[in-house]
Amino acid sequence: MESQVRGGTRWKRFAVVMVPSVAATAAVGIGLAQGALAASFSVSGQEFKVKAERLEGWGFAQYGGLDSGYTSIEGDKKTKRPVAISSFKRAEITKMCQSVKTEIPLIGKSIYLRLEAGPDKDHKVEAKNLYIDVAQLDADATFTNIDIGVAAGDKTRGPKVKDPSVKHGAFAQQAEKAELKGVEQTAWATTAGTFKLSGLKMRLGADPKMECF
């Protein structure tokens, strides 16, 4: 995974990032407990929520990581956050919703950004070389030809592990294909080689019901 500085998010530079993640399983939890972590990213002080009816991903791999992130949008403090790094060579997503809650400094109000895309099977969200730093995931998942316990440096599926801080023998898992239904997840960050959003809609407001879940 490519090292990038995510920065301290300010309202005027509110980042539009929406990619659901997959398969934050107990296997990766074991990897985190063993200290197989990659200190790679500096992320904003905000998680974002993503809901999707269905996600299909090909060339899937997952391993443990550690993001360096700000504790607030003011960027005054930083902390380390363990994450499950999910990656795909290619992914298709149907009925995707992403929401981000942002506290506006000084006035003490919350603003919600909601984005929707991929409204049906003929107009899906498409992504290539996708990496997601996952905090939490709920979904019904099916994996094809899955390998659990493979070394991160020796995996044969998923995008290349670009981050040099990921240990060669770190605990990882991989699969030929991952299919998730009823996805509800939170994440800290994501990167992708290409990201196509069919039927994109964006809304901004103060109603808490704008959150995806």
N, C-alpha and C. Protein backbone atom coordinates (compact mmCIF):
# COMPACT_ATOMS: atom_id res chain seq x y z
N MET A 1 0.84 -1.18 0.00
CA MET A 1 0.00 0.00 0.00
C MET A 1 0.87 1.23 0.00
N GLU A 2 0.53 2.20 -0.78
CA GLU A 2 1.35 3.37 -1.01
C GLU A 2 1.20 4.35 0.13
N SER A 3 2.33 4.80 0.67
CA SER A 3 2.30 5.75 1.77
C SER A 3 1.91 7.13 1.29
N GLN A 4 0.91 7.72 1.98
CA GLN A 4 0.46 9.06 1.64
C GLN A 4 0.11 9.78 2.92
N VAL A 5 0.22 11.09 2.94
CA VAL A 5 -0.20 11.88 4.08
C VAL A 5 -1.61 12.35 3.84
N ARG A 6 -2.53 11.93 4.71
CA ARG A 6 -3.93 12.26 4.53
C ARG A 6 -4.26 13.65 5.05
N GLY A 7 -3.53 14.12 6.06
CA GLY A 7 -3.68 15.49 6.52
C GLY A 7 -4.82 15.69 7.50
N GLY A 8 -4.82 16.84 8.13
CA GLY A 8 -5.89 17.23 9.04
C GLY A 8 -7.00 17.88 8.26
N THR A 9 -8.18 17.27 8.26
CA THR A 9 -9.27 17.74 7.43
C THR A 9 -9.84 19.05 7.95
N ARG A 10 -10.01 20.02 7.08
CA ARG A 10 -10.70 21.27 7.38
C ARG A 10 -12.01 21.29 6.60
N TRP A 11 -12.99 22.04 7.11
CA TRP A 11 -14.30 22.06 6.45
C TRP A 11 -14.22 22.52 5.01
N LYS A 12 -13.40 23.53 4.71
CA LYS A 12 -13.31 24.05 3.34
C LYS A 12 -12.65 23.06 2.40
N ARG A 13 -11.98 22.05 2.96
CA ARG A 13 -11.32 21.05 2.12
C ARG A 13 -11.91 19.67 2.42
N PHE A 14 -13.21 19.65 2.65
CA PHE A 14 -13.89 18.43 3.04
C PHE A 14 -13.69 17.35 1.97
N ALA A 15 -13.01 16.27 2.31
CA ALA A 15 -12.66 15.26 1.33
C ALA A 15 -13.86 14.40 0.97
N VAL A 16 -14.05 14.16 -0.32
CA VAL A 16 -15.11 13.28 -0.80
C VAL A 16 -14.46 11.93 -1.09
N VAL A 17 -14.59 11.01 -0.14
CA VAL A 17 -13.98 9.69 -0.27
C VAL A 17 -15.05 8.66 0.03
N MET A 18 -15.32 7.76 -0.88
CA MET A 18 -16.32 6.76 -0.57
C MET A 18 -16.02 5.43 -1.21
N VAL A 19 -15.59 4.54 -0.40
CA VAL A 19 -15.32 3.17 -0.84
C VAL A 19 -15.65 2.24 0.29
N PRO A 20 -16.53 1.25 0.09
CA PRO A 20 -16.76 0.29 1.15
C PRO A 20 -15.63 -0.71 1.25
N SER A 21 -15.44 -1.26 2.43
CA SER A 21 -14.38 -2.24 2.65
C SER A 21 -14.98 -3.59 2.90
N VAL A 22 -14.14 -4.62 2.99
CA VAL A 22 -14.66 -5.95 3.19
C VAL A 22 -13.83 -6.77 4.15
N ALA A 23 -14.48 -7.77 4.72
CA ALA A 23 -13.86 -8.89 5.42
C ALA A 23 -12.90 -8.53 6.53
N ALA A 24 -13.35 -7.75 7.50
CA ALA A 24 -12.51 -7.49 8.67
C ALA A 24 -12.71 -8.66 9.63
N THR A 25 -12.04 -9.76 9.42
CA THR A 25 -12.29 -11.02 10.12
C THR A 25 -11.39 -11.20 11.32
N ALA A 26 -11.66 -12.27 12.07
CA ALA A 26 -10.85 -12.58 13.25
C ALA A 26 -9.41 -12.88 12.87
N ALA A 27 -9.19 -13.38 11.67
CA ALA A 27 -7.82 -13.70 11.24
C ALA A 27 -6.95 -12.47 11.25
N VAL A 28 -7.48 -11.35 10.78
CA VAL A 28 -6.71 -10.11 10.79
C VAL A 28 -6.54 -9.62 12.22
N GLY A 29 -7.55 -9.85 13.06
CA GLY A 29 -7.42 -9.50 14.46
C GLY A 29 -6.23 -10.20 15.10
N ILE A 30 -6.00 -11.46 14.72
CA ILE A 30 -4.85 -12.19 15.23
C ILE A 30 -3.57 -11.52 14.77
N GLY A 31 -3.53 -11.10 13.51
CA GLY A 31 -2.35 -10.43 12.99
C GLY A 31 -2.04 -9.15 13.74
N LEU A 32 -3.10 -8.39 14.08
CA LEU A 32 -2.91 -7.15 14.84
C LEU A 32 -2.37 -7.46 16.24
N ALA A 33 -2.92 -8.50 16.87
CA ALA A 33 -2.47 -8.87 18.21
C ALA A 33 -1.01 -9.30 18.22
N GLN A 34 -0.55 -9.88 17.12
CA GLN A 34 0.83 -10.33 17.02
C GLN A 34 1.79 -9.19 16.68
N GLY A 35 1.24 -7.98 16.46
CA GLY A 35 2.09 -6.83 16.18
C GLY A 35 2.51 -6.72 14.73
N ALA A 36 1.82 -7.41 13.82
CA ALA A 36 2.16 -7.33 12.40
C ALA A 36 1.49 -6.11 11.80
N LEU A 37 1.97 -4.93 12.16
CA LEU A 37 1.32 -3.68 11.79
C LEU A 37 2.18 -2.85 10.85
N ALA A 38 1.52 -2.04 10.05
CA ALA A 38 2.23 -1.17 9.12
C ALA A 38 1.88 0.28 9.42
N ALA A 39 2.82 1.06 9.91
CA ALA A 39 2.58 2.48 10.20
C ALA A 39 2.76 3.26 8.91
N SER A 40 1.65 3.61 8.25
CA SER A 40 1.72 4.13 6.90
C SER A 40 1.09 5.49 6.72
N PHE A 41 -0.12 5.68 7.27
CA PHE A 41 -0.92 6.83 6.91
C PHE A 41 -1.06 7.84 8.04
N SER A 42 -1.25 9.07 7.65
CA SER A 42 -1.73 10.10 8.56
C SER A 42 -3.13 10.45 8.10
N VAL A 43 -4.14 10.15 8.92
CA VAL A 43 -5.52 10.32 8.49
C VAL A 43 -6.21 11.41 9.28
N SER A 44 -7.37 11.86 8.79
CA SER A 44 -8.13 12.90 9.46
C SER A 44 -8.74 12.36 10.75
N GLY A 45 -9.30 13.24 11.54
CA GLY A 45 -9.91 12.83 12.80
C GLY A 45 -11.32 12.33 12.65
N GLN A 46 -11.70 11.89 11.47
CA GLN A 46 -13.07 11.47 11.22
C GLN A 46 -13.13 10.13 10.49
N GLU A 47 -13.99 9.25 10.98
CA GLU A 47 -14.33 8.05 10.24
C GLU A 47 -15.46 8.40 9.27
N PHE A 48 -15.62 7.60 8.22
CA PHE A 48 -16.78 7.76 7.35
C PHE A 48 -17.53 6.44 7.29
N LYS A 49 -18.84 6.52 7.10
CA LYS A 49 -19.70 5.34 7.05
C LYS A 49 -20.05 5.02 5.60
N VAL A 50 -20.12 3.73 5.31
CA VAL A 50 -20.51 3.29 3.97
C VAL A 50 -21.50 2.14 4.09
N LYS A 51 -22.56 2.24 3.32
CA LYS A 51 -23.56 1.17 3.24
C LYS A 51 -23.70 0.77 1.78
N ALA A 52 -23.80 -0.52 1.50
CA ALA A 52 -23.96 -1.00 0.12
C ALA A 52 -24.84 -2.23 0.11
N GLU A 53 -25.66 -2.33 -0.91
CA GLU A 53 -26.49 -3.53 -1.06
C GLU A 53 -25.63 -4.74 -1.41
N ARG A 54 -24.62 -4.51 -2.26
CA ARG A 54 -23.78 -5.63 -2.70
C ARG A 54 -22.42 -5.13 -3.15
N LEU A 55 -21.38 -5.88 -2.80
CA LEU A 55 -20.04 -5.61 -3.28
C LEU A 55 -19.43 -6.90 -3.80
N GLU A 56 -18.92 -6.87 -5.01
CA GLU A 56 -18.19 -7.99 -5.59
C GLU A 56 -16.76 -7.54 -5.87
N GLY A 57 -15.79 -8.28 -5.35
CA GLY A 57 -14.39 -7.92 -5.55
C GLY A 57 -13.57 -9.10 -6.00
N TRP A 58 -12.67 -8.86 -6.95
CA TRP A 58 -11.79 -9.91 -7.48
C TRP A 58 -10.34 -9.58 -7.14
N GLY A 59 -9.58 -10.63 -6.82
CA GLY A 59 -8.20 -10.41 -6.40
C GLY A 59 -8.15 -9.72 -5.06
N PHE A 60 -8.64 -10.41 -4.02
CA PHE A 60 -8.78 -9.82 -2.69
C PHE A 60 -7.63 -10.24 -1.78
N ALA A 61 -7.13 -9.29 -0.98
CA ALA A 61 -6.14 -9.58 0.06
C ALA A 61 -6.36 -8.65 1.23
N GLN A 62 -5.98 -9.12 2.44
CA GLN A 62 -6.18 -8.31 3.64
C GLN A 62 -5.09 -8.63 4.66
N TYR A 63 -4.62 -7.59 5.34
CA TYR A 63 -3.58 -7.74 6.35
C TYR A 63 -3.70 -6.59 7.34
N GLY A 64 -3.00 -6.70 8.48
CA GLY A 64 -3.09 -5.69 9.52
C GLY A 64 -2.24 -4.48 9.24
N GLY A 65 -2.69 -3.33 9.74
CA GLY A 65 -1.94 -2.09 9.57
C GLY A 65 -2.19 -1.14 10.72
N LEU A 66 -1.46 -0.04 10.72
CA LEU A 66 -1.60 0.96 11.76
C LEU A 66 -1.53 2.34 11.12
N ASP A 67 -2.62 3.10 11.26
CA ASP A 67 -2.66 4.47 10.73
C ASP A 67 -2.31 5.46 11.83
N SER A 68 -1.58 6.48 11.47
CA SER A 68 -1.33 7.61 12.36
C SER A 68 -2.36 8.67 12.03
N GLY A 69 -3.22 9.02 13.00
CA GLY A 69 -4.31 9.93 12.68
C GLY A 69 -4.51 11.02 13.70
N TYR A 70 -5.15 12.10 13.25
CA TYR A 70 -5.49 13.21 14.13
C TYR A 70 -6.71 12.85 14.97
N THR A 71 -6.77 13.36 16.19
CA THR A 71 -7.89 13.07 17.08
C THR A 71 -9.06 14.03 16.87
N SER A 72 -8.87 15.09 16.10
CA SER A 72 -9.94 16.05 15.82
C SER A 72 -9.62 16.77 14.52
N ILE A 73 -10.60 17.50 13.98
CA ILE A 73 -10.38 18.21 12.73
C ILE A 73 -9.46 19.41 12.92
N GLU A 74 -9.28 19.85 14.18
CA GLU A 74 -8.34 20.94 14.43
C GLU A 74 -6.89 20.47 14.25
N GLY A 75 -6.67 19.16 14.29
CA GLY A 75 -5.34 18.63 14.06
C GLY A 75 -4.35 18.93 15.16
N ASP A 76 -4.84 19.04 16.42
CA ASP A 76 -3.95 19.41 17.51
C ASP A 76 -3.24 18.22 18.15
N LYS A 77 -3.81 17.03 18.02
CA LYS A 77 -3.21 15.84 18.61
C LYS A 77 -3.26 14.69 17.60
N LYS A 78 -2.33 13.73 17.78
CA LYS A 78 -2.31 12.56 16.91
C LYS A 78 -2.25 11.29 17.75
N THR A 79 -2.73 10.19 17.17
CA THR A 79 -2.71 8.92 17.85
C THR A 79 -2.55 7.81 16.81
N LYS A 80 -2.29 6.58 17.25
CA LYS A 80 -2.17 5.43 16.36
C LYS A 80 -3.48 4.65 16.37
N ARG A 81 -3.91 4.21 15.20
CA ARG A 81 -5.15 3.46 15.09
C ARG A 81 -4.89 2.15 14.34
N PRO A 82 -5.20 1.00 14.93
CA PRO A 82 -5.07 -0.26 14.20
C PRO A 82 -6.18 -0.38 13.16
N VAL A 83 -5.86 -0.87 11.99
CA VAL A 83 -6.83 -1.04 10.91
C VAL A 83 -6.61 -2.37 10.21
N ALA A 84 -7.64 -2.84 9.54
CA ALA A 84 -7.54 -3.98 8.64
C ALA A 84 -7.46 -3.42 7.23
N ILE A 85 -6.35 -3.63 6.56
CA ILE A 85 -6.16 -3.10 5.21
C ILE A 85 -6.72 -4.11 4.21
N SER A 86 -7.82 -3.75 3.56
CA SER A 86 -8.45 -4.59 2.56
C SER A 86 -8.08 -4.07 1.17
N SER A 87 -7.74 -4.98 0.28
CA SER A 87 -7.33 -4.55 -1.07
C SER A 87 -7.96 -5.45 -2.13
N PHE A 88 -8.23 -4.84 -3.31
CA PHE A 88 -8.82 -5.55 -4.44
C PHE A 88 -8.13 -5.13 -5.74
N LYS A 89 -7.98 -6.06 -6.63
CA LYS A 89 -7.55 -5.71 -7.98
C LYS A 89 -8.69 -5.01 -8.71
N ARG A 90 -9.93 -5.50 -8.47
CA ARG A 90 -11.10 -4.91 -9.14
C ARG A 90 -12.33 -5.12 -8.26
N ALA A 91 -13.22 -4.12 -8.20
CA ALA A 91 -14.42 -4.22 -7.38
C ALA A 91 -15.59 -3.54 -8.06
N GLU A 92 -16.81 -4.09 -7.83
CA GLU A 92 -18.06 -3.50 -8.32
C GLU A 92 -19.02 -3.42 -7.15
N ILE A 93 -19.69 -2.25 -7.02
CA ILE A 93 -20.55 -2.00 -5.86
C ILE A 93 -21.91 -1.51 -6.34
N THR A 94 -22.98 -2.06 -5.73
CA THR A 94 -24.35 -1.70 -6.09
C THR A 94 -25.03 -1.02 -4.91
N LYS A 95 -25.75 0.06 -5.19
CA LYS A 95 -26.49 0.84 -4.21
C LYS A 95 -25.60 1.23 -3.03
N MET A 96 -24.64 2.07 -3.31
CA MET A 96 -23.70 2.51 -2.30
C MET A 96 -24.09 3.87 -1.73
N CYS A 97 -23.95 4.00 -0.43
CA CYS A 97 -24.20 5.26 0.27
C CYS A 97 -23.01 5.53 1.17
N GLN A 98 -22.48 6.75 1.15
CA GLN A 98 -21.43 7.15 2.09
C GLN A 98 -21.84 8.41 2.81
N SER A 99 -21.56 8.47 4.10
CA SER A 99 -21.86 9.68 4.87
C SER A 99 -20.70 10.02 5.79
N VAL A 100 -20.49 11.32 5.97
CA VAL A 100 -19.45 11.83 6.86
C VAL A 100 -20.05 12.91 7.74
N LYS A 101 -19.83 12.78 9.04
CA LYS A 101 -20.30 13.80 9.99
C LYS A 101 -19.12 14.69 10.36
N THR A 102 -19.32 16.00 10.25
CA THR A 102 -18.25 16.95 10.56
C THR A 102 -18.75 18.00 11.57
N GLU A 103 -18.00 18.15 12.65
CA GLU A 103 -18.32 19.18 13.64
C GLU A 103 -17.71 20.50 13.16
N ILE A 104 -18.53 21.54 13.06
CA ILE A 104 -18.06 22.84 12.60
C ILE A 104 -17.50 23.62 13.79
N PRO A 105 -16.21 23.95 13.75
CA PRO A 105 -15.59 24.69 14.87
C PRO A 105 -16.30 26.01 15.14
N LEU A 106 -16.28 26.43 16.38
CA LEU A 106 -16.80 27.71 16.85
C LEU A 106 -18.32 27.73 16.99
N ILE A 107 -19.06 27.25 16.00
CA ILE A 107 -20.52 27.34 16.09
C ILE A 107 -21.12 26.10 16.75
N GLY A 108 -20.33 25.03 16.89
CA GLY A 108 -20.78 23.85 17.62
C GLY A 108 -21.89 23.06 16.96
N LYS A 109 -21.97 23.07 15.65
CA LYS A 109 -22.99 22.32 14.93
C LYS A 109 -22.37 21.21 14.10
N SER A 110 -23.18 20.20 13.80
CA SER A 110 -22.73 19.09 12.96
C SER A 110 -23.32 19.21 11.57
N ILE A 111 -22.48 18.98 10.57
CA ILE A 111 -22.93 18.97 9.17
C ILE A 111 -22.68 17.57 8.62
N TYR A 112 -23.60 17.10 7.79
CA TYR A 112 -23.51 15.76 7.22
C TYR A 112 -23.38 15.84 5.70
N LEU A 113 -22.41 15.12 5.19
CA LEU A 113 -22.25 14.99 3.75
C LEU A 113 -22.67 13.57 3.37
N ARG A 114 -23.59 13.44 2.44
CA ARG A 114 -24.10 12.13 2.01
C ARG A 114 -23.93 12.00 0.50
N LEU A 115 -23.35 10.89 0.10
CA LEU A 115 -23.18 10.60 -1.33
C LEU A 115 -23.77 9.24 -1.65
N GLU A 116 -24.42 9.15 -2.80
CA GLU A 116 -24.99 7.89 -3.27
C GLU A 116 -24.55 7.65 -4.70
N ALA A 117 -24.34 6.38 -5.06
CA ALA A 117 -23.91 6.02 -6.42
C ALA A 117 -24.18 4.55 -6.65
N GLY A 118 -24.08 4.14 -7.93
CA GLY A 118 -24.32 2.75 -8.29
C GLY A 118 -25.74 2.31 -8.03
N PRO A 119 -26.75 2.99 -8.60
CA PRO A 119 -28.14 2.76 -8.23
C PRO A 119 -28.71 1.39 -8.59
N ASP A 120 -28.14 0.70 -9.58
CA ASP A 120 -28.67 -0.61 -9.96
C ASP A 120 -27.57 -1.44 -10.62
N LYS A 121 -27.92 -2.68 -11.02
CA LYS A 121 -26.92 -3.61 -11.57
C LYS A 121 -26.34 -3.16 -12.90
N ASP A 122 -27.04 -2.27 -13.59
CA ASP A 122 -26.54 -1.76 -14.87
C ASP A 122 -25.72 -0.48 -14.70
N HIS A 123 -25.72 0.07 -13.51
CA HIS A 123 -24.98 1.32 -13.23
C HIS A 123 -24.27 1.17 -11.88
N LYS A 124 -23.19 0.41 -11.86
CA LYS A 124 -22.47 0.11 -10.63
C LYS A 124 -21.30 1.07 -10.41
N VAL A 125 -20.87 1.14 -9.17
CA VAL A 125 -19.60 1.79 -8.86
C VAL A 125 -18.49 0.81 -9.22
N GLU A 126 -17.44 1.28 -9.91
CA GLU A 126 -16.34 0.42 -10.33
C GLU A 126 -15.01 0.99 -9.83
N ALA A 127 -14.16 0.11 -9.31
CA ALA A 127 -12.86 0.54 -8.78
C ALA A 127 -11.79 -0.47 -9.16
N LYS A 128 -10.56 0.02 -9.34
CA LYS A 128 -9.41 -0.84 -9.61
C LYS A 128 -8.27 -0.48 -8.66
N ASN A 129 -7.49 -1.49 -8.28
CA ASN A 129 -6.37 -1.32 -7.36
C ASN A 129 -6.80 -0.51 -6.14
N LEU A 130 -7.70 -1.12 -5.40
CA LEU A 130 -8.39 -0.47 -4.30
C LEU A 130 -7.80 -0.90 -2.95
N TYR A 131 -7.52 0.09 -2.07
CA TYR A 131 -7.03 -0.16 -0.72
C TYR A 131 -7.93 0.58 0.27
N ILE A 132 -8.39 -0.10 1.33
CA ILE A 132 -9.25 0.52 2.33
C ILE A 132 -8.74 0.22 3.73
N ASP A 133 -8.68 1.23 4.59
CA ASP A 133 -8.28 1.07 5.98
C ASP A 133 -9.54 0.98 6.83
N VAL A 134 -9.86 -0.24 7.26
CA VAL A 134 -11.16 -0.54 7.86
C VAL A 134 -11.12 -0.48 9.38
N ALA A 135 -12.17 0.10 9.98
CA ALA A 135 -12.32 0.10 11.42
C ALA A 135 -13.36 -0.92 11.87
N GLN A 136 -14.42 -1.09 11.06
CA GLN A 136 -15.51 -1.98 11.45
C GLN A 136 -16.29 -2.38 10.22
N LEU A 137 -16.80 -3.62 10.20
CA LEU A 137 -17.60 -4.11 9.07
C LEU A 137 -18.65 -5.10 9.52
N ASP A 138 -19.88 -4.93 9.01
CA ASP A 138 -20.96 -5.91 9.16
C ASP A 138 -21.46 -6.25 7.76
N ALA A 139 -21.56 -7.55 7.44
CA ALA A 139 -22.02 -7.98 6.13
C ALA A 139 -22.18 -9.49 6.11
N ASP A 140 -22.88 -9.99 5.09
CA ASP A 140 -22.92 -11.42 4.79
C ASP A 140 -21.90 -11.65 3.68
N ALA A 141 -20.87 -12.46 3.96
CA ALA A 141 -19.74 -12.59 3.03
C ALA A 141 -19.57 -14.01 2.51
N THR A 142 -19.20 -14.10 1.22
CA THR A 142 -18.87 -15.37 0.59
C THR A 142 -17.52 -15.21 -0.11
N PHE A 143 -16.57 -16.13 0.15
CA PHE A 143 -15.25 -16.07 -0.44
C PHE A 143 -15.02 -17.29 -1.33
N THR A 144 -14.37 -17.05 -2.46
CA THR A 144 -14.03 -18.13 -3.38
C THR A 144 -12.54 -18.38 -3.34
N ASN A 145 -12.15 -19.65 -3.09
CA ASN A 145 -10.74 -20.04 -3.02
C ASN A 145 -9.95 -19.15 -2.06
N ILE A 146 -10.36 -19.19 -0.79
CA ILE A 146 -9.73 -18.33 0.21
C ILE A 146 -8.55 -19.03 0.88
N ASP A 147 -7.50 -18.28 1.14
CA ASP A 147 -6.33 -18.74 1.89
C ASP A 147 -6.21 -17.86 3.13
N ILE A 148 -6.31 -18.45 4.32
CA ILE A 148 -6.19 -17.71 5.57
C ILE A 148 -4.88 -18.09 6.24
N GLY A 149 -4.07 -17.11 6.58
CA GLY A 149 -2.80 -17.37 7.23
C GLY A 149 -1.60 -17.29 6.32
N VAL A 150 -1.79 -16.81 5.09
CA VAL A 150 -0.67 -16.64 4.16
C VAL A 150 0.19 -15.46 4.61
N ALA A 151 1.50 -15.51 4.34
CA ALA A 151 2.39 -14.39 4.67
C ALA A 151 2.10 -13.23 3.72
N ALA A 152 2.05 -12.01 4.25
CA ALA A 152 1.73 -10.84 3.43
C ALA A 152 2.70 -10.68 2.26
N GLY A 153 3.97 -11.01 2.48
CA GLY A 153 4.95 -10.85 1.42
C GLY A 153 4.89 -11.92 0.35
N ASP A 154 4.14 -13.01 0.62
CA ASP A 154 4.07 -14.12 -0.33
C ASP A 154 2.69 -14.30 -0.94
N LYS A 155 1.77 -13.40 -0.66
CA LYS A 155 0.43 -13.53 -1.23
C LYS A 155 0.49 -13.40 -2.75
N THR A 156 -0.44 -14.06 -3.42
CA THR A 156 -0.47 -14.06 -4.88
C THR A 156 -1.69 -13.35 -5.45
N ARG A 157 -2.59 -12.89 -4.57
CA ARG A 157 -3.80 -12.19 -5.03
C ARG A 157 -3.85 -10.80 -4.42
N GLY A 158 -4.67 -9.96 -5.05
CA GLY A 158 -4.81 -8.58 -4.58
C GLY A 158 -3.71 -7.69 -5.13
N PRO A 159 -3.89 -6.37 -5.01
CA PRO A 159 -2.85 -5.43 -5.44
C PRO A 159 -1.56 -5.64 -4.66
N LYS A 160 -0.47 -5.21 -5.19
CA LYS A 160 0.83 -5.34 -4.56
C LYS A 160 0.88 -4.59 -3.23
N VAL A 161 1.53 -5.21 -2.23
CA VAL A 161 1.76 -4.52 -0.96
C VAL A 161 2.91 -3.54 -1.19
N LYS A 162 2.57 -2.27 -1.36
CA LYS A 162 3.57 -1.27 -1.74
C LYS A 162 4.30 -0.68 -0.54
N ASP A 163 3.69 -0.76 0.64
CA ASP A 163 4.27 -0.12 1.81
C ASP A 163 5.44 -0.95 2.34
N PRO A 164 6.64 -0.42 2.38
CA PRO A 164 7.80 -1.17 2.85
C PRO A 164 7.76 -1.52 4.32
N SER A 165 6.89 -0.86 5.10
CA SER A 165 6.82 -1.14 6.53
C SER A 165 5.99 -2.39 6.85
N VAL A 166 5.28 -2.93 5.86
CA VAL A 166 4.54 -4.18 6.08
C VAL A 166 5.54 -5.33 6.11
N LYS A 167 5.58 -6.06 7.19
CA LYS A 167 6.55 -7.14 7.34
C LYS A 167 6.26 -8.27 6.36
N HIS A 168 7.32 -8.84 5.80
CA HIS A 168 7.19 -9.90 4.81
C HIS A 168 6.37 -11.08 5.35
N GLY A 169 6.58 -11.41 6.62
CA GLY A 169 5.89 -12.56 7.20
C GLY A 169 4.62 -12.21 7.95
N ALA A 170 4.10 -11.00 7.77
CA ALA A 170 2.89 -10.57 8.49
C ALA A 170 1.70 -11.46 8.12
N PHE A 171 0.81 -11.66 9.08
CA PHE A 171 -0.39 -12.48 8.87
C PHE A 171 -1.31 -11.81 7.85
N ALA A 172 -1.76 -12.58 6.87
CA ALA A 172 -2.65 -12.06 5.83
C ALA A 172 -3.61 -13.14 5.37
N GLN A 173 -4.57 -12.74 4.57
CA GLN A 173 -5.48 -13.68 3.93
C GLN A 173 -5.78 -13.17 2.52
N GLN A 174 -6.16 -14.09 1.65
CA GLN A 174 -6.43 -13.73 0.27
C GLN A 174 -7.51 -14.64 -0.31
N ALA A 175 -8.17 -14.18 -1.37
CA ALA A 175 -9.20 -14.97 -2.02
C ALA A 175 -9.30 -14.57 -3.48
N GLU A 176 -9.74 -15.50 -4.29
CA GLU A 176 -9.95 -15.22 -5.71
C GLU A 176 -11.07 -14.21 -5.89
N LYS A 177 -12.13 -14.37 -5.07
CA LYS A 177 -13.28 -13.45 -5.16
C LYS A 177 -13.91 -13.31 -3.78
N ALA A 178 -14.42 -12.11 -3.49
CA ALA A 178 -15.17 -11.85 -2.27
C ALA A 178 -16.50 -11.20 -2.66
N GLU A 179 -17.60 -11.73 -2.13
CA GLU A 179 -18.92 -11.17 -2.39
C GLU A 179 -19.59 -10.86 -1.06
N LEU A 180 -19.98 -9.59 -0.88
CA LEU A 180 -20.62 -9.16 0.35
C LEU A 180 -21.98 -8.57 0.07
N LYS A 181 -22.94 -8.90 0.94
CA LYS A 181 -24.29 -8.36 0.84
C LYS A 181 -24.66 -7.69 2.15
N GLY A 182 -25.46 -6.62 2.05
CA GLY A 182 -25.87 -5.89 3.24
C GLY A 182 -24.70 -5.28 3.98
N VAL A 183 -23.83 -4.58 3.27
CA VAL A 183 -22.61 -4.02 3.85
C VAL A 183 -22.90 -2.76 4.66
N GLU A 184 -22.41 -2.73 5.90
CA GLU A 184 -22.38 -1.53 6.73
C GLU A 184 -21.00 -1.46 7.35
N GLN A 185 -20.23 -0.43 7.03
CA GLN A 185 -18.86 -0.37 7.52
C GLN A 185 -18.41 1.06 7.80
N THR A 186 -17.41 1.16 8.67
CA THR A 186 -16.75 2.43 8.92
C THR A 186 -15.27 2.27 8.58
N ALA A 187 -14.66 3.32 8.08
CA ALA A 187 -13.25 3.27 7.68
C ALA A 187 -12.61 4.62 7.90
N TRP A 188 -11.27 4.61 7.92
CA TRP A 188 -10.52 5.84 8.12
C TRP A 188 -9.99 6.42 6.80
N ALA A 189 -9.67 5.57 5.85
CA ALA A 189 -9.04 6.07 4.63
C ALA A 189 -9.16 5.06 3.50
N THR A 190 -8.96 5.52 2.27
CA THR A 190 -8.95 4.63 1.11
C THR A 190 -8.15 5.24 -0.03
N THR A 191 -7.60 4.38 -0.88
CA THR A 191 -6.97 4.83 -2.12
C THR A 191 -7.39 3.88 -3.23
N ALA A 192 -7.38 4.37 -4.47
CA ALA A 192 -7.73 3.54 -5.61
C ALA A 192 -7.03 4.06 -6.85
N GLY A 193 -6.69 3.14 -7.75
CA GLY A 193 -6.09 3.54 -9.02
C GLY A 193 -7.09 4.28 -9.88
N THR A 194 -8.29 3.70 -10.01
CA THR A 194 -9.40 4.36 -10.72
C THR A 194 -10.67 4.12 -9.92
N PHE A 195 -11.62 5.07 -10.02
CA PHE A 195 -12.85 4.98 -9.25
C PHE A 195 -13.97 5.64 -10.05
N LYS A 196 -14.90 4.83 -10.55
CA LYS A 196 -15.98 5.32 -11.39
C LYS A 196 -17.29 5.29 -10.61
N LEU A 197 -17.95 6.46 -10.50
CA LEU A 197 -19.18 6.59 -9.74
C LEU A 197 -20.35 6.86 -10.68
N SER A 198 -21.10 5.82 -11.00
CA SER A 198 -22.27 5.98 -11.87
C SER A 198 -23.46 6.47 -11.05
N GLY A 199 -24.19 7.44 -11.59
CA GLY A 199 -25.37 7.97 -10.91
C GLY A 199 -25.07 8.65 -9.60
N LEU A 200 -23.98 9.40 -9.55
CA LEU A 200 -23.57 10.06 -8.31
C LEU A 200 -24.55 11.16 -7.89
N LYS A 201 -24.91 11.14 -6.59
CA LYS A 201 -25.73 12.18 -5.98
C LYS A 201 -25.07 12.62 -4.69
N MET A 202 -25.02 13.93 -4.45
CA MET A 202 -24.42 14.45 -3.23
C MET A 202 -25.38 15.41 -2.55
N ARG A 203 -25.49 15.27 -1.22
CA ARG A 203 -26.36 16.14 -0.43
C ARG A 203 -25.60 16.60 0.80
N LEU A 204 -25.90 17.82 1.25
CA LEU A 204 -25.26 18.39 2.43
C LEU A 204 -26.33 18.98 3.32
N GLY A 205 -26.28 18.70 4.63
CA GLY A 205 -27.29 19.24 5.51
C GLY A 205 -26.98 18.97 6.97
N ALA A 206 -27.92 19.39 7.85
CA ALA A 206 -27.73 19.26 9.29
C ALA A 206 -28.59 18.19 9.92
N ASP A 207 -29.34 17.45 9.13
CA ASP A 207 -30.24 16.40 9.63
C ASP A 207 -29.44 15.11 9.90
N PRO A 208 -29.40 14.61 11.14
CA PRO A 208 -28.69 13.38 11.44
C PRO A 208 -29.17 12.17 10.63
N LYS A 209 -30.40 12.24 10.11
CA LYS A 209 -30.93 11.14 9.32
C LYS A 209 -30.23 11.00 7.97
N MET A 210 -29.37 11.97 7.64
CA MET A 210 -28.62 11.88 6.38
C MET A 210 -27.52 10.83 6.45
N GLU A 211 -27.15 10.38 7.66
CA GLU A 211 -26.16 9.33 7.77
C GLU A 211 -26.71 8.04 7.17
N CYS A 212 -25.83 7.25 6.57
CA CYS A 212 -26.26 6.04 5.86
C CYS A 212 -26.81 4.98 6.79
N PHE A 213 -26.31 4.95 8.02
CA PHE A 213 -26.85 4.03 9.04
C PHE A 213 -26.45 4.53 10.43
